[in-house]
Amino acid sequence: MSAFLFVRYLLNDIGVPGMCSVAIKSYSNIKMKKPLKALLICLSCFLSAGSAVASLTPKHLVFTYMGDPSTTLTVNWQLIGEGADVSEAIVYYDTVSHGGDVSKYAQHSNGKAFSIDGLKGRLVARVQLTELKPNTSYYIVAGHPDTGFADEVKVRTIPDDDSFIRFVTGGDMGTSEEVRILLKNAATYDPRFAAVGGDVAYANGKLGSVDNWDTWLTYYTEEMVTADGHTIPLFLAIGNHEVNGGFKKTLKDAPFYFGFFGQNPTKSYFDRQFGKNLLLLALDSGHVTSHESQVQWMHDVLKGSKSVAHRSAIYHVPLYPSHRDFMGHFSDQGRQYWAPVFDAHGLTVAFENHDHTFKRSHFIKDGAVVEEGVGTLYLGDGCWGRDTRSIAVDQPWYLKVSGSIQHFWVVDCDANKMVYRAVDLENRVFDVYPESTTGAKEARAVFAAKSQLYELPHDIVKSTGIIDDGSAWKGSDVTVSVVNTFEFPISLQLKALAQGAKAQATGLPTGSLRLLPNESEVFAVSWTPLDGKAISLKKARLRLSVSLELQHPDHDKPLRFTGSAGISIKNP
């Protein structure tokens, strides 16, 4: 065969995608001059490289549960690139590795590839695997002949008996480098799955922010792999940053949450049982489903699972917040509608999020602290990578311990007990419950050495208001007063902040302001638009950011406080 005829054979009979591999395997068996052989190899690999660009190799392969976690797995992935035009998806799987050779796997299942409305240049593929063996490792290859296949991955089903189960949980992630570190830390504990309580990629349900999901999914698929190579499946509850509008919206306003993850395609709440001893409810704290409308379903599920040793729930907005207002609307809704259900059925633990802090509550029942093991334990509060928020110096009645700490929880479950460990950015355990557990004392020492961020008392900084006569605002003069209400000297810094408009304040002290107890200072401050152009105060929020530090004799490290003082807008 001549080189010309061989190239034509590749193009017409095999096609561009298969050219490079066929050429490399076959050229040595064809008699031709060396220059022609070299030309053939270069030409075939060049054309094959072009096809690789056009190919839609599966990306971001994640596992979720649409059925029993002991016998089913849902495989989800994306096809990113122009020309996405397939409607089918295939998963090949076996209990032994075949290195990605799809012809050797014992089983395969078919699924669908679909688009998210309005999202161009990508498809989502989903395949449901059923009749799997419990507590078994499976080797999986996902893709389609028209798009190519991803590399082989390994994943485990959940035991269906009394076996020990470990999982990790938390929420409020985002796409910072701290998220990647914390995910890598979480994988070192060899969890069977990860339960995420909402606010995952902070894309806010907006199609233009899909890159946030790409980044987060890259972090997750690269880092959430155990030391022996098992990819860690996901169990996700919905949060406000999954939804375009945050609260009181519809399923269509959370396209990525429902599109990227196969869990319950028609509802934002569902339950899964992990082995014989753990039931986990994913609840919706008012994002696309109201608290009240989930109550009867919760009663039915918990009533029908009395034989399960540990019934638990994960959701986003806490019933017992560690940073936000206790009387916040959605926290209040949770206590009104869900807490009585938890109490009636003896919910073991509730995993809460949203506040970007760490907390462990007392046991609570009927809105009061009760003996350990009698009521429900509330753990949170969603700081799996987001910047920390402040906590109160004097903890509210319902909290046993809290802190401004990035963390996730490692949870161990067996027939007799559940053990909870909070783990920080340095992969150190800093809180353990029960407190009699091995390592709890060492964890308390780690926690005690941490510097916390406390809420600023409201009466430290005050400002006079700005008169708004309804016309475009060009500036105002105000008086800012600062007083030290502590019993100890303080060091304080002020910074002007404007949301919704470009504005600045002159006359604030530069650097640190040091005040003795009861000492005060007053400043004449001028607010003006940053570029000199008039702005509308109805669209702008002006405030002062306050950072404060003091040395308390009962603490080795300085106490840090943060908060803000709003500037009221007055009509004449």
Protein backbone atom coordinates (compact mmCIF):
# COMPACT_ATOMS: atom_id res chain seq x y z
CA MET A 1 0.00 0.00 0.00
CA SER A 2 1.28 3.45 -0.86
CA ALA A 3 1.43 6.22 1.71
CA PHE A 4 -1.21 8.14 -0.27
CA LEU A 5 -3.66 5.24 -0.25
CA PHE A 6 -3.04 4.63 3.46
CA VAL A 7 -3.85 8.24 4.33
CA ARG A 8 -7.02 8.06 2.26
CA TYR A 9 -7.94 4.86 4.11
CA LEU A 10 -7.53 6.63 7.44
CA LEU A 11 -9.62 9.60 6.40
CA ASN A 12 -12.45 7.81 4.63
CA ASP A 13 -12.80 4.50 6.44
CA ILE A 14 -11.68 5.20 10.03
CA GLY A 15 -12.21 8.93 10.36
CA VAL A 16 -10.10 11.60 12.00
CA PRO A 17 -10.65 10.51 15.65
CA GLY A 18 -9.07 7.12 15.07
CA MET A 19 -6.31 8.27 12.75
CA CYS A 20 -3.43 8.82 15.13
CA SER A 21 -3.70 5.51 17.00
CA VAL A 22 -4.20 3.48 13.80
CA ALA A 23 -1.35 5.23 12.05
CA ILE A 24 1.09 4.65 14.89
CA LYS A 25 0.11 0.98 15.20
CA SER A 26 0.11 0.31 11.44
CA TYR A 27 2.84 2.34 9.78
CA SER A 28 5.59 -0.05 10.80
CA ASN A 29 3.91 -2.86 8.83
CA ILE A 30 3.69 -0.85 5.61
CA LYS A 31 6.53 -0.74 3.16
CA MET A 32 7.36 2.85 2.28
CA LYS A 33 10.30 5.16 2.36
CA LYS A 34 11.27 6.62 5.75
CA PRO A 35 10.48 10.24 4.77
CA LEU A 36 6.98 9.21 3.80
CA LYS A 37 6.57 7.30 7.05
CA ALA A 38 7.63 10.37 9.05
CA LEU A 39 5.28 12.57 7.05
CA LEU A 40 2.41 10.19 7.70
CA ILE A 41 2.98 10.15 11.44
CA CYS A 42 3.16 13.96 11.62
CA LEU A 43 0.05 14.36 9.45
CA SER A 44 -2.02 11.82 11.36
CA CYS A 45 -1.08 13.17 14.79
CA PHE A 46 -1.78 16.73 13.65
CA LEU A 47 -5.24 15.82 12.44
CA SER A 48 -5.87 13.78 15.57
CA ALA A 49 -4.88 16.74 17.78
CA GLY A 50 -7.50 18.79 15.98
CA SER A 51 -10.12 16.17 16.75
CA ALA A 52 -9.12 16.20 20.45
CA VAL A 53 -10.01 19.89 20.59
CA ALA A 54 -13.40 19.14 19.07
CA SER A 55 -13.90 16.09 21.31
CA LEU A 56 -16.01 16.51 24.43
CA THR A 57 -14.19 14.35 26.94
CA PRO A 58 -16.19 13.91 30.16
CA LYS A 59 -15.20 16.30 32.97
CA HIS A 60 -16.10 16.73 36.63
CA LEU A 61 -17.24 13.17 37.29
CA VAL A 62 -19.14 13.11 40.60
CA PHE A 63 -21.28 10.48 42.29
CA THR A 64 -24.58 11.10 44.06
CA TYR A 65 -27.48 8.95 45.29
CA MET A 66 -30.91 8.76 43.67
CA GLY A 67 -31.62 5.45 45.41
CA ASP A 68 -30.33 3.17 48.16
CA PRO A 69 -26.63 4.10 48.73
CA SER A 70 -25.86 0.42 49.38
CA THR A 71 -26.99 -0.81 45.97
CA THR A 72 -27.14 2.24 43.68
CA LEU A 73 -24.94 5.09 42.50
CA THR A 74 -25.72 8.01 40.22
CA VAL A 75 -22.87 9.04 37.92
CA ASN A 76 -22.87 12.71 36.84
CA TRP A 77 -20.48 14.52 34.52
CA GLN A 78 -20.21 17.42 32.09
CA LEU A 79 -19.34 17.71 28.41
CA ILE A 80 -17.89 21.17 27.87
CA GLY A 81 -17.20 22.68 24.45
CA GLU A 82 -18.87 23.79 21.26
CA GLY A 83 -20.56 21.11 19.21
CA ALA A 84 -22.05 19.21 22.14
CA ASP A 85 -24.64 17.15 20.28
CA VAL A 86 -25.17 13.79 21.98
CA SER A 87 -28.21 12.64 23.90
CA GLU A 88 -26.90 9.38 25.35
CA ALA A 89 -24.37 8.53 28.03
CA ILE A 90 -22.76 5.23 28.99
CA VAL A 91 -21.02 3.93 32.09
CA TYR A 92 -18.94 0.74 32.00
CA TYR A 93 -18.22 -0.80 35.39
CA ASP A 94 -16.78 -3.83 37.12
CA THR A 95 -15.42 -4.92 40.49
CA VAL A 96 -11.94 -5.26 39.00
CA SER A 97 -9.89 -2.69 37.13
CA HIS A 98 -9.52 -2.84 33.35
CA GLY A 99 -7.54 0.37 32.96
CA GLY A 100 -10.20 2.10 30.91
CA ASP A 101 -10.58 -0.55 28.16
CA VAL A 102 -14.37 -0.41 27.78
CA SER A 103 -14.49 -3.77 25.99
CA LYS A 104 -13.42 -5.60 29.15
CA TYR A 105 -15.88 -4.34 31.79
CA ALA A 106 -18.48 -6.86 32.88
CA GLN A 107 -21.42 -4.45 33.00
CA HIS A 108 -22.63 -1.21 31.51
CA SER A 109 -25.60 1.12 31.96
CA ASN A 110 -27.07 3.76 29.67
CA GLY A 111 -28.29 7.22 30.60
CA LYS A 112 -29.00 10.62 29.11
CA ALA A 113 -27.05 13.73 28.18
CA PHE A 114 -29.06 16.92 28.44
CA SER A 115 -28.64 20.67 28.45
CA ILE A 116 -29.48 23.20 31.13
CA ASP A 117 -31.91 25.76 29.71
CA GLY A 118 -30.04 28.79 28.42
CA LEU A 119 -26.58 27.37 29.11
CA LYS A 120 -24.59 27.13 25.89
CA GLY A 121 -21.53 25.05 25.09
CA ARG A 122 -22.03 22.19 27.53
CA LEU A 123 -24.14 19.17 28.35
CA VAL A 124 -24.73 17.30 31.58
CA ALA A 125 -24.70 13.50 31.47
CA ARG A 126 -26.28 11.22 34.06
CA VAL A 127 -26.34 7.45 34.42
CA GLN A 128 -27.99 5.48 37.21
CA LEU A 129 -26.27 2.28 38.36
CA THR A 130 -28.53 -0.23 40.13
CA GLU A 131 -28.33 -3.72 41.65
CA LEU A 132 -24.82 -3.06 42.92
CA LYS A 133 -23.25 -5.06 45.74
CA PRO A 134 -23.13 -3.33 49.14
CA ASN A 135 -19.77 -2.30 50.59
CA THR A 136 -18.02 -2.98 47.29
CA SER A 137 -15.48 -1.05 45.22
CA TYR A 138 -16.42 -0.48 41.59
CA TYR A 139 -14.18 0.63 38.74
CA ILE A 140 -16.03 2.97 36.41
CA VAL A 141 -15.48 4.48 32.98
CA ALA A 142 -17.97 7.13 31.82
CA GLY A 143 -18.57 8.71 28.44
CA HIS A 144 -19.82 7.89 24.95
CA PRO A 145 -18.15 6.69 21.75
CA ASP A 146 -18.96 10.00 20.07
CA THR A 147 -17.38 12.08 22.84
CA GLY A 148 -14.72 9.83 24.28
CA PHE A 149 -14.39 8.34 27.75
CA ALA A 150 -12.95 9.70 30.98
CA ASP A 151 -10.19 7.90 32.83
CA GLU A 152 -11.22 5.01 35.05
CA VAL A 153 -12.23 5.96 38.60
CA LYS A 154 -12.92 3.88 41.70
CA VAL A 155 -15.90 4.36 44.03
CA ARG A 156 -17.48 2.41 46.91
CA THR A 157 -21.05 1.53 47.76
CA ILE A 158 -22.26 1.89 51.36
CA PRO A 159 -22.52 -1.16 53.67
CA ASP A 160 -26.07 -2.43 54.23
CA ASP A 161 -25.49 -3.80 57.73
CA ASP A 162 -24.29 -2.62 61.17
CA SER A 163 -20.84 -1.71 59.83
CA PHE A 164 -19.11 1.45 60.99
CA ILE A 165 -19.67 4.40 58.62
CA ARG A 166 -17.69 7.63 58.50
CA PHE A 167 -18.69 10.74 56.57
CA VAL A 168 -17.63 14.38 56.42
CA THR A 169 -19.99 17.33 56.46
CA GLY A 170 -20.10 21.12 56.32
CA GLY A 171 -21.23 23.90 54.04
CA ASP A 172 -20.53 27.37 52.68
CA MET A 173 -17.54 26.66 50.47
CA GLY A 174 -16.88 28.82 47.41
CA THR A 175 -13.77 28.66 45.25
CA SER A 176 -10.94 29.96 47.41
CA GLU A 177 -7.68 28.09 47.86
CA GLU A 178 -8.79 27.35 51.43
CA VAL A 179 -11.62 25.26 49.99
CA ARG A 180 -9.18 23.09 48.06
CA ILE A 181 -7.05 22.62 51.20
CA LEU A 182 -10.02 21.69 53.36
CA LEU A 183 -11.28 19.22 50.75
CA LYS A 184 -7.86 17.60 50.62
CA ASN A 185 -7.87 17.45 54.42
CA ALA A 186 -11.32 15.85 54.44
CA ALA A 187 -10.23 13.09 52.08
CA THR A 188 -7.47 12.03 54.50
CA TYR A 189 -10.15 10.77 56.92
CA ASP A 190 -11.32 8.15 54.38
CA PRO A 191 -15.03 9.08 54.49
CA ARG A 192 -17.68 7.03 52.69
CA PHE A 193 -19.46 10.19 51.50
CA ALA A 194 -19.59 13.97 51.96
CA ALA A 195 -22.77 15.73 53.11
CA VAL A 196 -22.77 19.38 52.02
CA GLY A 197 -25.26 21.79 53.56
CA GLY A 198 -25.62 24.32 50.76
CA ASP A 199 -23.83 27.40 49.41
CA VAL A 200 -21.41 25.28 47.43
CA ALA A 201 -19.94 27.26 44.51
CA TYR A 202 -21.60 30.66 45.12
CA ALA A 203 -22.90 30.91 41.54
CA ASN A 204 -26.31 32.16 42.78
CA GLY A 205 -28.16 30.18 40.14
CA LYS A 206 -26.88 32.53 37.44
CA LEU A 207 -25.87 30.99 34.12
CA GLY A 208 -23.12 33.59 33.69
CA SER A 209 -21.46 32.32 36.88
CA VAL A 210 -21.10 28.70 35.77
CA ASP A 211 -17.31 29.11 35.96
CA ASN A 212 -17.68 29.08 39.76
CA TRP A 213 -19.07 25.57 39.48
CA ASP A 214 -16.30 24.50 37.12
CA THR A 215 -13.71 25.64 39.64
CA TRP A 216 -15.43 23.99 42.58
CA LEU A 217 -16.02 20.73 40.70
CA THR A 218 -12.37 20.68 39.67
CA TYR A 219 -11.35 21.09 43.31
CA TYR A 220 -13.74 18.38 44.44
CA THR A 221 -12.90 15.77 41.81
CA GLU A 222 -9.16 16.29 42.25
CA GLU A 223 -9.01 16.49 46.04
CA MET A 224 -11.86 14.34 47.36
CA VAL A 225 -10.15 11.05 46.66
CA THR A 226 -9.08 8.76 49.49
CA ALA A 227 -5.53 7.51 49.97
CA ASP A 228 -6.46 4.20 48.33
CA GLY A 229 -8.03 5.94 45.33
CA HIS A 230 -11.76 5.98 46.08
CA THR A 231 -13.70 8.99 44.80
CA ILE A 232 -16.01 10.28 47.57
CA PRO A 233 -19.73 10.56 46.64
CA LEU A 234 -21.83 13.63 47.43
CA PHE A 235 -25.06 14.22 49.35
CA LEU A 236 -26.13 17.86 48.95
CA ALA A 237 -28.76 20.07 50.56
CA ILE A 238 -29.72 23.35 48.90
CA GLY A 239 -28.63 26.81 50.11
CA ASN A 240 -29.46 30.39 49.18
CA HIS A 241 -26.38 30.75 46.94
CA GLU A 242 -27.63 27.87 44.77
CA VAL A 243 -30.71 29.93 43.94
CA ASN A 244 -31.16 33.01 41.78
CA GLY A 245 -32.85 35.17 44.40
CA GLY A 246 -31.86 33.12 47.43
CA PHE A 247 -35.21 32.47 49.10
CA LYS A 248 -38.84 31.77 48.17
CA LYS A 249 -38.02 30.90 44.58
CA THR A 250 -38.70 27.91 42.29
CA LEU A 251 -36.78 24.84 41.13
CA LYS A 252 -35.99 26.64 37.85
CA ASP A 253 -34.10 29.28 39.84
CA ALA A 254 -31.56 26.64 40.95
CA PRO A 255 -30.44 25.22 37.57
CA PHE A 256 -27.03 23.96 38.64
CA TYR A 257 -28.12 22.30 41.88
CA PHE A 258 -30.73 20.21 40.06
CA GLY A 259 -28.77 20.00 36.81
CA PHE A 260 -25.32 18.90 37.97
CA PHE A 261 -26.38 16.49 40.73
CA GLY A 262 -28.78 13.58 40.42
CA GLN A 263 -30.59 13.34 43.77
CA ASN A 264 -34.29 14.20 43.63
CA PRO A 265 -35.08 15.88 40.29
CA THR A 266 -38.49 17.21 41.36
CA LYS A 267 -37.98 18.23 44.98
CA SER A 268 -35.37 20.06 47.03
CA TYR A 269 -35.77 17.73 50.02
CA PHE A 270 -35.25 13.98 50.28
CA ASP A 271 -33.84 11.28 52.56
CA ARG A 272 -31.31 8.46 52.27
CA GLN A 273 -30.45 5.65 54.67
CA PHE A 274 -26.79 4.70 55.01
CA GLY A 275 -26.56 1.15 56.33
CA LYS A 276 -28.78 0.09 59.22
CA ASN A 277 -27.84 2.85 61.66
CA LEU A 278 -27.92 6.22 59.86
CA LEU A 279 -30.78 8.13 58.25
CA LEU A 280 -30.01 11.53 56.77
CA LEU A 281 -32.63 14.05 55.67
CA ALA A 282 -31.73 16.85 53.26
CA LEU A 283 -34.04 19.76 53.98
CA ASP A 284 -34.74 23.07 52.23
CA SER A 285 -34.63 26.07 54.59
CA GLY A 286 -36.95 28.24 52.50
CA HIS A 287 -35.02 28.51 49.22
CA VAL A 288 -37.39 26.83 46.76
CA THR A 289 -39.66 25.06 49.28
CA SER A 290 -41.17 26.49 52.46
CA HIS A 291 -40.42 25.04 55.89
CA GLU A 292 -44.09 24.35 56.52
CA SER A 293 -44.65 22.33 53.35
CA GLN A 294 -41.98 19.78 54.38
CA VAL A 295 -43.44 19.03 57.82
CA GLN A 296 -45.81 16.17 56.98
CA TRP A 297 -43.17 14.46 54.85
CA MET A 298 -40.67 14.78 57.72
CA HIS A 299 -43.17 13.22 60.13
CA ASP A 300 -43.80 10.33 57.76
CA VAL A 301 -40.10 9.61 57.13
CA LEU A 302 -39.08 9.79 60.79
CA LYS A 303 -42.09 7.78 61.95
CA GLY A 304 -41.23 5.05 59.46
CA SER A 305 -37.59 4.87 60.54
CA LYS A 306 -37.88 4.24 64.28
CA SER A 307 -35.63 1.20 64.01
CA VAL A 308 -32.73 3.32 62.70
CA ALA A 309 -30.38 4.14 65.59
CA HIS A 310 -29.41 7.62 64.43
CA ARG A 311 -31.78 9.92 62.52
CA SER A 312 -30.22 13.19 61.39
CA ALA A 313 -30.85 16.17 59.13
CA ILE A 314 -28.76 18.60 57.11
CA TYR A 315 -29.94 21.99 55.85
CA HIS A 316 -28.64 25.49 55.30
CA VAL A 317 -30.14 28.19 57.56
CA PRO A 318 -29.62 27.31 61.25
CA LEU A 319 -32.41 27.10 63.78
CA TYR A 320 -29.83 28.11 66.40
CA PRO A 321 -27.44 30.59 64.71
CA SER A 322 -23.97 31.39 65.99
CA HIS A 323 -23.53 34.69 64.13
CA ARG A 324 -26.81 35.96 62.72
CA ASP A 325 -29.83 37.23 64.63
CA PHE A 326 -31.66 34.52 66.59
CA MET A 327 -34.95 36.03 65.40
CA GLY A 328 -33.98 36.04 61.73
CA HIS A 329 -36.99 35.07 59.63
CA PHE A 330 -35.79 31.74 58.26
CA SER A 331 -34.24 30.65 61.55
CA ASP A 332 -37.54 31.46 63.24
CA GLN A 333 -39.42 29.48 60.58
CA GLY A 334 -37.20 26.49 61.26
CA ARG A 335 -37.83 26.60 64.99
CA GLN A 336 -41.57 27.08 64.44
CA TYR A 337 -42.11 24.24 61.96
CA TRP A 338 -39.16 21.84 62.17
CA ALA A 339 -38.08 21.86 65.82
CA PRO A 340 -41.36 20.24 67.00
CA VAL A 341 -40.82 17.46 64.43
CA PHE A 342 -37.24 16.94 65.62
CA ASP A 343 -38.46 16.81 69.21
CA ALA A 344 -41.37 14.46 68.51
CA HIS A 345 -39.18 11.87 66.80
CA GLY A 346 -35.95 12.26 68.78
CA LEU A 347 -33.71 13.56 66.01
CA THR A 348 -30.13 12.71 66.97
CA VAL A 349 -28.28 15.58 65.30
CA ALA A 350 -28.93 18.49 62.95
CA PHE A 351 -26.13 19.77 60.73
CA GLU A 352 -26.61 23.53 60.21
CA ASN A 353 -24.76 26.04 58.04
CA HIS A 354 -25.06 29.58 56.60
CA ASP A 355 -23.33 31.61 59.36
CA HIS A 356 -19.66 30.99 58.38
CA THR A 357 -18.70 30.08 61.94
CA PHE A 358 -18.12 26.99 64.06
CA LYS A 359 -20.57 25.87 66.74
CA ARG A 360 -21.70 22.99 68.88
CA SER A 361 -24.91 23.46 70.80
CA HIS A 362 -26.20 22.06 74.04
CA PHE A 363 -28.82 19.35 73.59
CA ILE A 364 -32.10 21.15 72.96
CA LYS A 365 -35.73 20.07 73.23
CA ASP A 366 -38.91 22.14 73.44
CA GLY A 367 -36.80 25.28 73.04
CA ALA A 368 -34.70 24.66 76.15
CA VAL A 369 -31.41 23.05 77.14
CA VAL A 370 -31.86 19.44 78.29
CA GLU A 371 -29.64 16.58 79.42
CA GLU A 372 -27.17 15.15 76.94
CA GLY A 373 -28.80 12.60 74.67
CA VAL A 374 -32.35 13.71 75.48
CA GLY A 375 -32.90 16.34 72.80
CA THR A 376 -31.16 17.18 69.53
CA LEU A 377 -27.54 18.25 69.08
CA TYR A 378 -27.03 21.12 66.59
CA LEU A 379 -23.66 21.34 64.84
CA GLY A 380 -22.49 23.99 62.38
CA ASP A 381 -22.29 26.59 61.14
CA GLY A 382 -21.04 26.27 57.57
CA CYS A 383 -17.48 27.51 57.17
CA TRP A 384 -15.97 24.94 54.81
CA GLY A 385 -13.79 27.57 53.10
CA ARG A 386 -15.63 30.88 53.35
CA ASP A 387 -14.09 33.73 55.34
CA THR A 388 -15.02 33.50 58.99
CA ARG A 389 -17.56 35.74 60.66
CA SER A 390 -17.63 37.02 64.22
CA ILE A 391 -19.20 35.39 67.26
CA ALA A 392 -20.54 36.90 70.48
CA VAL A 393 -18.20 37.28 73.44
CA ASP A 394 -21.05 36.14 75.66
CA GLN A 395 -22.43 33.05 73.95
CA PRO A 396 -26.21 32.69 73.59
CA TRP A 397 -27.93 30.27 75.95
CA TYR A 398 -28.17 27.44 73.45
CA LEU A 399 -24.48 27.20 72.48
CA LYS A 400 -21.91 25.05 74.28
CA VAL A 401 -18.96 26.26 72.19
CA SER A 402 -18.46 28.47 69.13
CA GLY A 403 -15.65 30.09 67.16
CA SER A 404 -14.72 31.97 64.00
CA ILE A 405 -12.96 28.96 62.46
CA GLN A 406 -12.88 27.48 58.97
CA HIS A 407 -13.65 23.79 59.37
CA PHE A 408 -15.52 20.64 58.42
CA TRP A 409 -16.92 17.86 60.60
CA VAL A 410 -15.85 14.21 60.59
CA VAL A 411 -18.70 12.01 61.81
CA ASP A 412 -18.33 8.37 62.92
CA CYS A 413 -21.45 6.27 63.20
CA ASP A 414 -22.07 2.75 64.48
CA ALA A 415 -24.95 0.96 66.18
CA ASN A 416 -24.13 2.41 69.62
CA LYS A 417 -23.06 6.02 69.11
CA MET A 418 -22.07 8.91 66.88
CA VAL A 419 -18.78 10.74 67.37
CA TYR A 420 -18.19 14.22 65.94
CA ARG A 421 -14.81 15.86 65.29
CA ALA A 422 -14.30 19.39 63.97
CA VAL A 423 -11.19 19.77 61.78
CA ASP A 424 -9.48 23.05 60.83
CA LEU A 425 -7.45 24.34 57.89
CA GLU A 426 -4.26 22.80 59.30
CA ASN A 427 -6.02 19.40 59.50
CA ARG A 428 -6.08 19.54 63.28
CA VAL A 429 -9.02 18.29 65.33
CA PHE A 430 -10.12 21.16 67.59
CA ASP A 431 -13.43 19.91 68.97
CA VAL A 432 -14.69 16.42 69.82
CA TYR A 433 -18.06 15.20 71.06
CA PRO A 434 -18.72 13.22 73.21
CA GLU A 435 -16.20 15.05 75.36
CA SER A 436 -15.13 11.77 76.96
CA THR A 437 -13.87 10.48 73.60
CA THR A 438 -10.17 9.80 73.13
CA GLY A 439 -8.51 12.96 71.78
CA ALA A 440 -11.12 15.37 73.17
CA LYS A 441 -8.72 16.87 75.71
CA GLU A 442 -6.06 17.50 73.05
CA ALA A 443 -8.72 19.06 70.81
CA ARG A 444 -9.72 21.49 73.55
CA ALA A 445 -6.10 22.63 73.78
CA VAL A 446 -6.03 23.31 70.03
CA PHE A 447 -9.25 25.30 70.28
CA ALA A 448 -8.01 27.32 73.28
CA ALA A 449 -4.95 28.45 71.32
CA LYS A 450 -7.03 29.91 68.49
CA SER A 451 -7.66 33.62 68.12
CA GLN A 452 -11.37 34.34 67.70
CA LEU A 453 -13.21 37.18 65.99
CA TYR A 454 -15.91 38.72 68.18
CA GLU A 455 -18.93 40.86 67.39
CA LEU A 456 -18.48 44.57 67.99
CA PRO A 457 -20.78 46.14 70.63
CA HIS A 458 -23.30 48.44 68.96
CA ASP A 459 -22.50 51.50 71.04
CA ILE A 460 -18.79 51.78 70.18
CA VAL A 461 -19.19 53.88 67.01
CA LYS A 462 -22.06 56.20 66.12
CA SER A 463 -22.69 58.63 63.28
CA THR A 464 -25.18 61.37 62.57
CA GLY A 465 -27.45 60.81 59.58
CA ILE A 466 -27.41 62.12 56.03
CA ILE A 467 -30.23 64.28 54.74
CA ASP A 468 -31.65 63.02 51.45
CA ASP A 469 -34.12 65.41 49.80
CA GLY A 470 -34.84 63.01 46.95
CA SER A 471 -32.52 64.63 44.43
CA ALA A 472 -29.19 63.26 43.32
CA TRP A 473 -26.76 63.22 46.26
CA LYS A 474 -23.46 65.06 45.93
CA GLY A 475 -22.18 64.76 49.48
CA SER A 476 -22.87 65.30 53.18
CA ASP A 477 -21.06 66.26 56.38
CA VAL A 478 -21.59 64.03 59.41
CA THR A 479 -20.24 63.64 62.92
CA VAL A 480 -18.69 60.32 63.92
CA SER A 481 -18.20 59.60 67.61
CA VAL A 482 -16.12 56.78 69.08
CA VAL A 483 -16.24 55.73 72.74
CA ASN A 484 -14.46 52.94 74.59
CA THR A 485 -17.19 51.07 76.50
CA PHE A 486 -14.81 48.32 77.62
CA GLU A 487 -13.02 48.14 80.96
CA PHE A 488 -9.69 47.88 79.16
CA PRO A 489 -7.75 50.05 76.68
CA ILE A 490 -8.61 49.44 73.01
CA SER A 491 -6.96 49.92 69.63
CA LEU A 492 -9.49 50.74 66.92
CA GLN A 493 -9.51 51.33 63.15
CA LEU A 494 -12.24 52.88 61.01
CA LYS A 495 -12.79 52.39 57.30
CA ALA A 496 -15.44 53.90 55.04
CA LEU A 497 -17.47 51.42 53.03
CA ALA A 498 -20.02 52.15 50.31
CA GLN A 499 -22.18 49.45 48.77
CA GLY A 500 -24.05 50.06 45.55
CA ALA A 501 -22.16 53.26 44.67
CA LYS A 502 -18.68 54.75 44.57
CA ALA A 503 -18.32 57.04 47.58
CA GLN A 504 -15.64 58.02 50.05
CA ALA A 505 -15.34 59.59 53.48
CA THR A 506 -12.63 62.07 54.50
CA GLY A 507 -11.83 63.08 58.06
CA LEU A 508 -11.61 59.62 59.57
CA PRO A 509 -8.49 58.87 61.64
CA THR A 510 -5.70 57.21 59.72
CA GLY A 511 -4.11 54.20 61.38
CA SER A 512 -5.08 52.97 64.83
CA LEU A 513 -7.01 55.03 67.35
CA ARG A 514 -6.10 54.18 70.94
CA LEU A 515 -8.62 54.89 73.73
CA LEU A 516 -8.62 54.30 77.47
CA PRO A 517 -11.79 53.06 79.24
CA ASN A 518 -14.65 55.59 78.85
CA GLU A 519 -12.44 57.79 76.67
CA SER A 520 -14.06 59.13 73.47
CA GLU A 521 -13.22 60.97 70.24
CA VAL A 522 -15.37 62.94 67.80
CA PHE A 523 -14.60 63.47 64.10
CA ALA A 524 -16.06 65.73 61.45
CA VAL A 525 -16.39 63.51 58.39
CA SER A 526 -17.34 64.44 54.82
CA TRP A 527 -18.95 61.86 52.51
CA THR A 528 -18.71 62.53 48.78
CA PRO A 529 -19.13 60.58 45.54
CA LEU A 530 -15.76 59.16 44.56
CA ASP A 531 -15.75 60.54 41.00
CA GLY A 532 -17.58 63.76 41.86
CA LYS A 533 -20.75 62.67 40.06
CA ALA A 534 -24.06 62.76 41.88
CA ILE A 535 -25.51 59.40 42.96
CA SER A 536 -28.80 58.10 44.37
CA LEU A 537 -28.75 57.21 48.04
CA LYS A 538 -31.68 54.87 47.45
CA LYS A 539 -29.23 52.56 45.66
CA ALA A 540 -26.26 53.14 47.94
CA ARG A 541 -25.53 51.88 51.45
CA LEU A 542 -22.98 53.91 53.39
CA ARG A 543 -21.37 52.53 56.54
CA LEU A 544 -18.23 52.44 58.64
CA SER A 545 -16.27 49.23 59.06
CA VAL A 546 -14.79 48.90 62.55
CA SER A 547 -11.89 46.67 63.65
CA LEU A 548 -11.01 46.65 67.33
CA GLU A 549 -8.46 44.89 69.52
CA LEU A 550 -7.96 44.74 73.29
CA GLN A 551 -5.84 42.80 75.72
CA HIS A 552 -7.94 41.02 78.33
CA PRO A 553 -6.15 39.79 81.47
CA ASP A 554 -7.93 36.40 81.24
CA HIS A 555 -6.68 35.74 77.71
CA ASP A 556 -3.15 35.18 76.47
CA LYS A 557 -3.90 36.59 73.02
CA PRO A 558 -5.52 39.96 72.22
CA LEU A 559 -9.27 39.79 71.66
CA ARG A 560 -10.33 40.91 68.17
CA PHE A 561 -13.69 42.48 67.38
CA THR A 562 -15.29 43.45 64.07
CA GLY A 563 -18.51 45.10 63.02
CA SER A 564 -19.98 48.08 61.23
CA ALA A 565 -21.86 51.28 61.97
CA GLY A 566 -24.54 52.20 59.46
CA ILE A 567 -25.19 55.74 58.25
CA SER A 568 -28.90 56.47 58.40
CA ILE A 569 -30.52 58.24 55.46
CA LYS A 570 -33.15 60.78 56.48
CA ASN A 571 -35.85 62.52 54.49
CA PRO A 572 -36.34 66.21 55.38
